[in-house]
Structure formats: structure tokens, C-alpha cells
Amino acid sequence: MTNTDRNDDIYKVIDEITDHLATLTKEERIAWFRKNMYLEPLNFVKEIDGTLYAVRTFFKKDATENITEKVERIILKKQ
């Protein structure tokens, strides 16, 4: 599978999710995100084609909203 094929597959899944979310009410979208959000720590290491990728997340300690609130705000912004 080429990188282009992988990208096409990723975009297809994103489009399917986006299309599904567009059919939901605001409350249903928030419930969907709560059900499907990543519950494990947002830090991980993955090897792809012999290259090791490390993903780390950092959050401001003095932030005015948590990740759930931020996602809700972003989702609700597009009305």
C-alpha cells in the first residue's frame, strides 16, 4: 500500500465520520465524542516502516478549559 493509498483511506474515514456527525444534533455530537474519545494517555510511541514516532501531549496548567470542553466548544461553534 502506498502513502497515497493510506492518505486516501484516512480521508475516506474522516469523511464518513464527518458525514455521520453532520446528521446528529449538537447534543448527540457531544455524546458521540464523549463515547469515542481516547481514554488512554495521549502519549504513545509507534513504529511505522522502521521509523519510531513518539507523540507527547502537553496541556497548560492554567488553561481555562479542559480537552472535553474544548472539543465541545469547537463542535458547537459550527452551527
C-alpha atoms as a PDB file:
ATOM      1  CA  MET A   1       0.000   0.000   0.000  1.00  0.00           C
ATOM      2  CA  THR A   2       1.433   3.382  -0.983  1.00  0.00           C
ATOM      3  CA  ASN A   3       1.351   6.551   1.103  1.00  0.00           C
ATOM      4  CA  THR A   4      -1.239   7.938  -1.295  1.00  0.00           C
ATOM      5  CA  ASP A   5      -3.472   4.906  -0.711  1.00  0.00           C
ATOM      6  CA  ARG A   6      -3.089   5.312   3.065  1.00  0.00           C
ATOM      7  CA  ASN A   7      -3.935   9.002   2.825  1.00  0.00           C
ATOM      8  CA  ASP A   8      -6.969   8.230   0.669  1.00  0.00           C
ATOM      9  CA  ASP A   9      -8.129   5.651   3.236  1.00  0.00           C
ATOM     10  CA  ILE A  10      -7.649   8.116   6.085  1.00  0.00           C
ATOM     11  CA  TYR A  11      -9.553  10.859   4.273  1.00  0.00           C
ATOM     12  CA  LYS A  12     -12.345   8.404   3.444  1.00  0.00           C
ATOM     13  CA  VAL A  13     -12.773   7.509   7.126  1.00  0.00           C
ATOM     14  CA  ILE A  14     -12.652  11.187   8.134  1.00  0.00           C
ATOM     15  CA  ASP A  15     -15.309  11.993   5.523  1.00  0.00           C
ATOM     16  CA  GLU A  16     -17.514   9.145   6.779  1.00  0.00           C
ATOM     17  CA  ILE A  17     -17.220  10.365  10.367  1.00  0.00           C
ATOM     18  CA  THR A  18     -17.863  13.966   9.340  1.00  0.00           C
ATOM     19  CA  ASP A  19     -20.915  12.965   7.298  1.00  0.00           C
ATOM     20  CA  HIS A  20     -22.258  10.952  10.237  1.00  0.00           C
ATOM     21  CA  LEU A  21     -21.684  13.790  12.708  1.00  0.00           C
ATOM     22  CA  ALA A  22     -23.457  16.227  10.388  1.00  0.00           C
ATOM     23  CA  THR A  23     -26.661  14.191  10.783  1.00  0.00           C
ATOM     24  CA  LEU A  24     -26.590  14.482  14.591  1.00  0.00           C
ATOM     25  CA  THR A  25     -27.900  17.180  16.877  1.00  0.00           C
ATOM     26  CA  LYS A  26     -25.408  19.169  18.951  1.00  0.00           C
ATOM     27  CA  GLU A  27     -26.187  17.045  21.983  1.00  0.00           C
ATOM     28  CA  GLU A  28     -25.785  13.810  20.007  1.00  0.00           C
ATOM     29  CA  ARG A  29     -22.398  15.016  18.648  1.00  0.00           C
ATOM     30  CA  ILE A  30     -21.172  15.761  22.154  1.00  0.00           C
ATOM     31  CA  ALA A  31     -22.363  12.336  23.330  1.00  0.00           C
ATOM     32  CA  TRP A  32     -20.608  10.721  20.342  1.00  0.00           C
ATOM     33  CA  PHE A  33     -17.322  12.446  21.183  1.00  0.00           C
ATOM     34  CA  ARG A  34     -17.599  11.515  24.850  1.00  0.00           C
ATOM     35  CA  LYS A  35     -18.203   7.883  23.892  1.00  0.00           C
ATOM     36  CA  ASN A  36     -15.401   7.780  21.322  1.00  0.00           C
ATOM     37  CA  MET A  37     -12.722   9.930  22.891  1.00  0.00           C
ATOM     38  CA  TYR A  38      -9.335   8.452  23.591  1.00  0.00           C
ATOM     39  CA  LEU A  39      -9.319   7.421  27.253  1.00  0.00           C
ATOM     40  CA  GLU A  40      -5.714   6.272  27.411  1.00  0.00           C
ATOM     41  CA  PRO A  41      -2.956   8.814  27.992  1.00  0.00           C
ATOM     42  CA  LEU A  42      -2.331  10.886  24.891  1.00  0.00           C
ATOM     43  CA  ASN A  43       1.331   9.874  24.824  1.00  0.00           C
ATOM     44  CA  PHE A  44       2.446   6.934  22.732  1.00  0.00           C
ATOM     45  CA  VAL A  45       5.194   5.528  20.551  1.00  0.00           C
ATOM     46  CA  LYS A  46       4.521   3.808  17.246  1.00  0.00           C
ATOM     47  CA  GLU A  47       6.828   2.281  14.679  1.00  0.00           C
ATOM     48  CA  ILE A  48       5.931   2.772  11.026  1.00  0.00           C
ATOM     49  CA  ASP A  49       8.141   1.356   8.285  1.00  0.00           C
ATOM     50  CA  GLY A  50      11.142   1.161  10.614  1.00  0.00           C
ATOM     51  CA  THR A  51      10.778   4.722  11.892  1.00  0.00           C
ATOM     52  CA  LEU A  52       9.839   5.232  15.529  1.00  0.00           C
ATOM     53  CA  TYR A  53       7.396   8.088  16.153  1.00  0.00           C
ATOM     54  CA  ALA A  54       6.825   9.446  19.660  1.00  0.00           C
ATOM     55  CA  VAL A  55       3.719  11.514  20.318  1.00  0.00           C
ATOM     56  CA  ARG A  56       3.517  13.517  23.510  1.00  0.00           C
ATOM     57  CA  THR A  57       0.871  15.932  24.692  1.00  0.00           C
ATOM     58  CA  PHE A  58       1.208  18.918  26.930  1.00  0.00           C
ATOM     59  CA  PHE A  59      -1.553  20.957  28.490  1.00  0.00           C
ATOM     60  CA  LYS A  60      -1.354  24.349  30.133  1.00  0.00           C
ATOM     61  CA  LYS A  61      -1.855  24.060  33.893  1.00  0.00           C
ATOM     62  CA  ASP A  62      -3.664  27.406  33.926  1.00  0.00           C
ATOM     63  CA  ALA A  63      -5.937  26.620  30.961  1.00  0.00           C
ATOM     64  CA  THR A  64      -9.494  27.873  31.241  1.00  0.00           C
ATOM     65  CA  GLU A  65     -10.999  24.718  29.729  1.00  0.00           C
ATOM     66  CA  ASN A  66     -10.201  21.008  29.656  1.00  0.00           C
ATOM     67  CA  ILE A  67      -9.951  18.897  26.500  1.00  0.00           C
ATOM     68  CA  THR A  68     -13.601  17.815  26.662  1.00  0.00           C
ATOM     69  CA  GLU A  69     -14.779  21.406  26.996  1.00  0.00           C
ATOM     70  CA  LYS A  70     -12.509  22.477  24.143  1.00  0.00           C
ATOM     71  CA  VAL A  71     -13.866  19.774  21.810  1.00  0.00           C
ATOM     72  CA  GLU A  72     -17.429  20.692  22.785  1.00  0.00           C
ATOM     73  CA  ARG A  73     -16.722  24.357  22.061  1.00  0.00           C
ATOM     74  CA  ILE A  74     -15.259  23.508  18.646  1.00  0.00           C
ATOM     75  CA  ILE A  75     -18.159  21.214  17.758  1.00  0.00           C
ATOM     76  CA  LEU A  76     -20.809  23.673  18.861  1.00  0.00           C
ATOM     77  CA  LYS A  77     -19.119  26.584  17.105  1.00  0.00           C
ATOM     78  CA  LYS A  78     -20.056  25.204  13.691  1.00  0.00           C
ATOM     79  CA  GLN A  79     -23.808  25.507  13.664  1.00  0.00           C
END
